[in-house]
Amino acid sequence: MYTRFVVKMTNYCSKVFPVFRMLLLYYATAVFSPFLLEKSL
């Protein structure tokens, strides 16, 4: 049962993680780009 749970979680993470990483990357870019632009100017 535990092994099946781990496999299910691994499959779930492999489906969700790319989307989550893209959102995180987009959010980080949106947050940090003004600071980077201010520093470069």
PDB file of N, CA and C in Angstrom:
ATOM      1  N   MET A   1       0.832  -1.196   0.000  1.00  0.00           N
ATOM      2  CA  MET A   1       0.000   0.000   0.000  1.00  0.00           C
ATOM      3  C   MET A   1       0.872   1.254   0.000  1.00  0.00           C
ATOM      4  N   TYR A   2       1.895   1.249   0.850  1.00  0.00           N
ATOM      5  CA  TYR A   2       2.779   2.417   0.911  1.00  0.00           C
ATOM      6  C   TYR A   2       3.506   2.627  -0.407  1.00  0.00           C
ATOM      7  N   THR A   3       3.959   1.511  -1.010  1.00  0.00           N
ATOM      8  CA  THR A   3       4.670   1.624  -2.286  1.00  0.00           C
ATOM      9  C   THR A   3       3.747   2.186  -3.354  1.00  0.00           C
ATOM     10  N   ARG A   4       2.507   1.724  -3.361  1.00  0.00           N
ATOM     11  CA  ARG A   4       1.554   2.225  -4.347  1.00  0.00           C
ATOM     12  C   ARG A   4       1.314   3.719  -4.143  1.00  0.00           C
ATOM     13  N   PHE A   5       1.244   4.137  -2.898  1.00  0.00           N
ATOM     14  CA  PHE A   5       1.063   5.558  -2.588  1.00  0.00           C
ATOM     15  C   PHE A   5       2.232   6.388  -3.109  1.00  0.00           C
ATOM     16  N   VAL A   6       3.446   5.879  -2.912  1.00  0.00           N
ATOM     17  CA  VAL A   6       4.633   6.599  -3.378  1.00  0.00           C
ATOM     18  C   VAL A   6       4.630   6.695  -4.895  1.00  0.00           C
ATOM     19  N   VAL A   7       4.252   5.597  -5.557  1.00  0.00           N
ATOM     20  CA  VAL A   7       4.199   5.617  -7.025  1.00  0.00           C
ATOM     21  C   VAL A   7       3.157   6.622  -7.502  1.00  0.00           C
ATOM     22  N   LYS A   8       2.012   6.635  -6.833  1.00  0.00           N
ATOM     23  CA  LYS A   8       0.953   7.572  -7.211  1.00  0.00           C
ATOM     24  C   LYS A   8       1.413   9.012  -7.021  1.00  0.00           C
ATOM     25  N   MET A   9       2.076   9.283  -5.905  1.00  0.00           N
ATOM     26  CA  MET A   9       2.581  10.629  -5.652  1.00  0.00           C
ATOM     27  C   MET A   9       3.648  11.019  -6.660  1.00  0.00           C
ATOM     28  N   THR A  10       4.498  10.056  -7.029  1.00  0.00           N
ATOM     29  CA  THR A  10       5.542  10.348  -8.012  1.00  0.00           C
ATOM     30  C   THR A  10       4.927  10.696  -9.359  1.00  0.00           C
ATOM     31  N   ASN A  11       3.922   9.929  -9.770  1.00  0.00           N
ATOM     32  CA  ASN A  11       3.244  10.226 -11.032  1.00  0.00           C
ATOM     33  C   ASN A  11       2.572  11.593 -10.970  1.00  0.00           C
ATOM     34  N   TYR A  12       1.928  11.887  -9.846  1.00  0.00           N
ATOM     35  CA  TYR A  12       1.256  13.172  -9.676  1.00  0.00           C
ATOM     36  C   TYR A  12       2.261  14.319  -9.749  1.00  0.00           C
ATOM     37  N   CYS A  13       3.398  14.157  -9.069  1.00  0.00           N
ATOM     38  CA  CYS A  13       4.418  15.203  -9.074  1.00  0.00           C
ATOM     39  C   CYS A  13       4.992  15.391 -10.468  1.00  0.00           C
ATOM     40  N   SER A  14       5.192  14.300 -11.193  1.00  0.00           N
ATOM     41  CA  SER A  14       5.769  14.420 -12.530  1.00  0.00           C
ATOM     42  C   SER A  14       4.798  15.112 -13.478  1.00  0.00           C
ATOM     43  N   LYS A  15       3.488  15.014 -13.194  1.00  0.00           N
ATOM     44  CA  LYS A  15       2.526  15.733 -14.021  1.00  0.00           C
ATOM     45  C   LYS A  15       2.445  17.200 -13.628  1.00  0.00           C
ATOM     46  N   VAL A  16       2.446  17.462 -12.318  1.00  0.00           N
ATOM     47  CA  VAL A  16       2.176  18.818 -11.830  1.00  0.00           C
ATOM     48  C   VAL A  16       3.437  19.676 -11.811  1.00  0.00           C
ATOM     49  N   PHE A  17       4.584  19.057 -11.523  1.00  0.00           N
ATOM     50  CA  PHE A  17       5.800  19.827 -11.278  1.00  0.00           C
ATOM     51  C   PHE A  17       6.218  20.714 -12.446  1.00  0.00           C
ATOM     52  N   PRO A  18       6.171  20.252 -13.720  1.00  0.00           N
ATOM     53  CA  PRO A  18       6.550  21.160 -14.809  1.00  0.00           C
ATOM     54  C   PRO A  18       5.682  22.413 -14.855  1.00  0.00           C
ATOM     55  N   VAL A  19       4.377  22.246 -14.636  1.00  0.00           N
ATOM     56  CA  VAL A  19       3.478  23.407 -14.651  1.00  0.00           C
ATOM     57  C   VAL A  19       3.801  24.326 -13.483  1.00  0.00           C
ATOM     58  N   PHE A  20       3.993  23.723 -12.306  1.00  0.00           N
ATOM     59  CA  PHE A  20       4.309  24.507 -11.114  1.00  0.00           C
ATOM     60  C   PHE A  20       5.625  25.249 -11.288  1.00  0.00           C
ATOM     61  N   ARG A  21       6.621  24.575 -11.893  1.00  0.00           N
ATOM     62  CA  ARG A  21       7.924  25.213 -12.100  1.00  0.00           C
ATOM     63  C   ARG A  21       7.796  26.369 -13.081  1.00  0.00           C
ATOM     64  N   MET A  22       6.977  26.196 -14.124  1.00  0.00           N
ATOM     65  CA  MET A  22       6.773  27.290 -15.078  1.00  0.00           C
ATOM     66  C   MET A  22       6.121  28.485 -14.400  1.00  0.00           C
ATOM     67  N   LEU A  23       5.099  28.215 -13.570  1.00  0.00           N
ATOM     68  CA  LEU A  23       4.445  29.306 -12.851  1.00  0.00           C
ATOM     69  C   LEU A  23       5.417  30.007 -11.912  1.00  0.00           C
ATOM     70  N   LEU A  24       6.235  29.215 -11.216  1.00  0.00           N
ATOM     71  CA  LEU A  24       7.199  29.782 -10.288  1.00  0.00           C
ATOM     72  C   LEU A  24       8.222  30.635 -11.030  1.00  0.00           C
ATOM     73  N   LEU A  25       8.679  30.138 -12.182  1.00  0.00           N
ATOM     74  CA  LEU A  25       9.649  30.876 -12.988  1.00  0.00           C
ATOM     75  C   LEU A  25       9.035  32.186 -13.486  1.00  0.00           C
ATOM     76  N   TYR A  26       7.780  32.118 -13.951  1.00  0.00           N
ATOM     77  CA  TYR A  26       7.092  33.314 -14.428  1.00  0.00           C
ATOM     78  C   TYR A  26       6.923  34.329 -13.298  1.00  0.00           C
ATOM     79  N   TYR A  27       6.523  33.836 -12.117  1.00  0.00           N
ATOM     80  CA  TYR A  27       6.333  34.713 -10.966  1.00  0.00           C
ATOM     81  C   TYR A  27       7.648  35.362 -10.556  1.00  0.00           C
ATOM     82  N   ALA A  28       8.722  34.560 -10.529  1.00  0.00           N
ATOM     83  CA  ALA A  28      10.026  35.095 -10.148  1.00  0.00           C
ATOM     84  C   ALA A  28      10.484  36.146 -11.151  1.00  0.00           C
ATOM     85  N   THR A  29      10.244  35.894 -12.436  1.00  0.00           N
ATOM     86  CA  THR A  29      10.621  36.868 -13.461  1.00  0.00           C
ATOM     87  C   THR A  29       9.834  38.161 -13.282  1.00  0.00           C
ATOM     88  N   ALA A  30       8.529  38.031 -13.030  1.00  0.00           N
ATOM     89  CA  ALA A  30       7.685  39.211 -12.859  1.00  0.00           C
ATOM     90  C   ALA A  30       8.102  40.015 -11.636  1.00  0.00           C
ATOM     91  N   VAL A  31       8.535  39.316 -10.577  1.00  0.00           N
ATOM     92  CA  VAL A  31       8.908  40.013  -9.345  1.00  0.00           C
ATOM     93  C   VAL A  31      10.286  40.649  -9.476  1.00  0.00           C
ATOM     94  N   PHE A  32      11.242  39.904 -10.054  1.00  0.00           N
ATOM     95  CA  PHE A  32      12.628  40.361 -10.021  1.00  0.00           C
ATOM     96  C   PHE A  32      13.016  41.254 -11.191  1.00  0.00           C
ATOM     97  N   SER A  33      12.284  41.208 -12.312  1.00  0.00           N
ATOM     98  CA  SER A  33      12.702  42.007 -13.462  1.00  0.00           C
ATOM     99  C   SER A  33      12.703  43.509 -13.182  1.00  0.00           C
ATOM    100  N   PRO A  34      11.747  44.079 -12.413  1.00  0.00           N
ATOM    101  CA  PRO A  34      11.859  45.514 -12.103  1.00  0.00           C
ATOM    102  C   PRO A  34      13.122  45.858 -11.324  1.00  0.00           C
ATOM    103  N   PHE A  35      13.499  44.997 -10.361  1.00  0.00           N
ATOM    104  CA  PHE A  35      14.721  45.248  -9.599  1.00  0.00           C
ATOM    105  C   PHE A  35      15.938  45.187 -10.509  1.00  0.00           C
ATOM    106  N   LEU A  36      15.967  44.190 -11.401  1.00  0.00           N
ATOM    107  CA  LEU A  36      17.107  44.043 -12.307  1.00  0.00           C
ATOM    108  C   LEU A  36      17.181  45.232 -13.254  1.00  0.00           C
ATOM    109  N   LEU A  37      16.024  45.696 -13.731  1.00  0.00           N
ATOM    110  CA  LEU A  37      16.017  46.847 -14.626  1.00  0.00           C
ATOM    111  C   LEU A  37      16.496  48.092 -13.887  1.00  0.00           C
ATOM    112  N   GLU A  38      16.070  48.270 -12.643  1.00  0.00           N
ATOM    113  CA  GLU A  38      16.523  49.429 -11.872  1.00  0.00           C
ATOM    114  C   GLU A  38      18.019  49.386 -11.640  1.00  0.00           C
ATOM    115  N   LYS A  39      18.554  48.183 -11.345  1.00  0.00           N
ATOM    116  CA  LYS A  39      19.986  48.074 -11.093  1.00  0.00           C
ATOM    117  C   LYS A  39      20.796  48.339 -12.356  1.00  0.00           C
ATOM    118  N   SER A  40      20.276  47.874 -13.507  1.00  0.00           N
ATOM    119  CA  SER A  40      21.058  48.013 -14.736  1.00  0.00           C
ATOM    120  C   SER A  40      21.026  49.449 -15.243  1.00  0.00           C
ATOM    121  N   LEU A  41      19.959  50.195 -14.926  1.00  0.00           N
ATOM    122  CA  LEU A  41      19.875  51.574 -15.412  1.00  0.00           C
ATOM    123  C   LEU A  41      20.757  52.521 -14.601  1.00  0.00           C
TER     124      LEU A  41
END
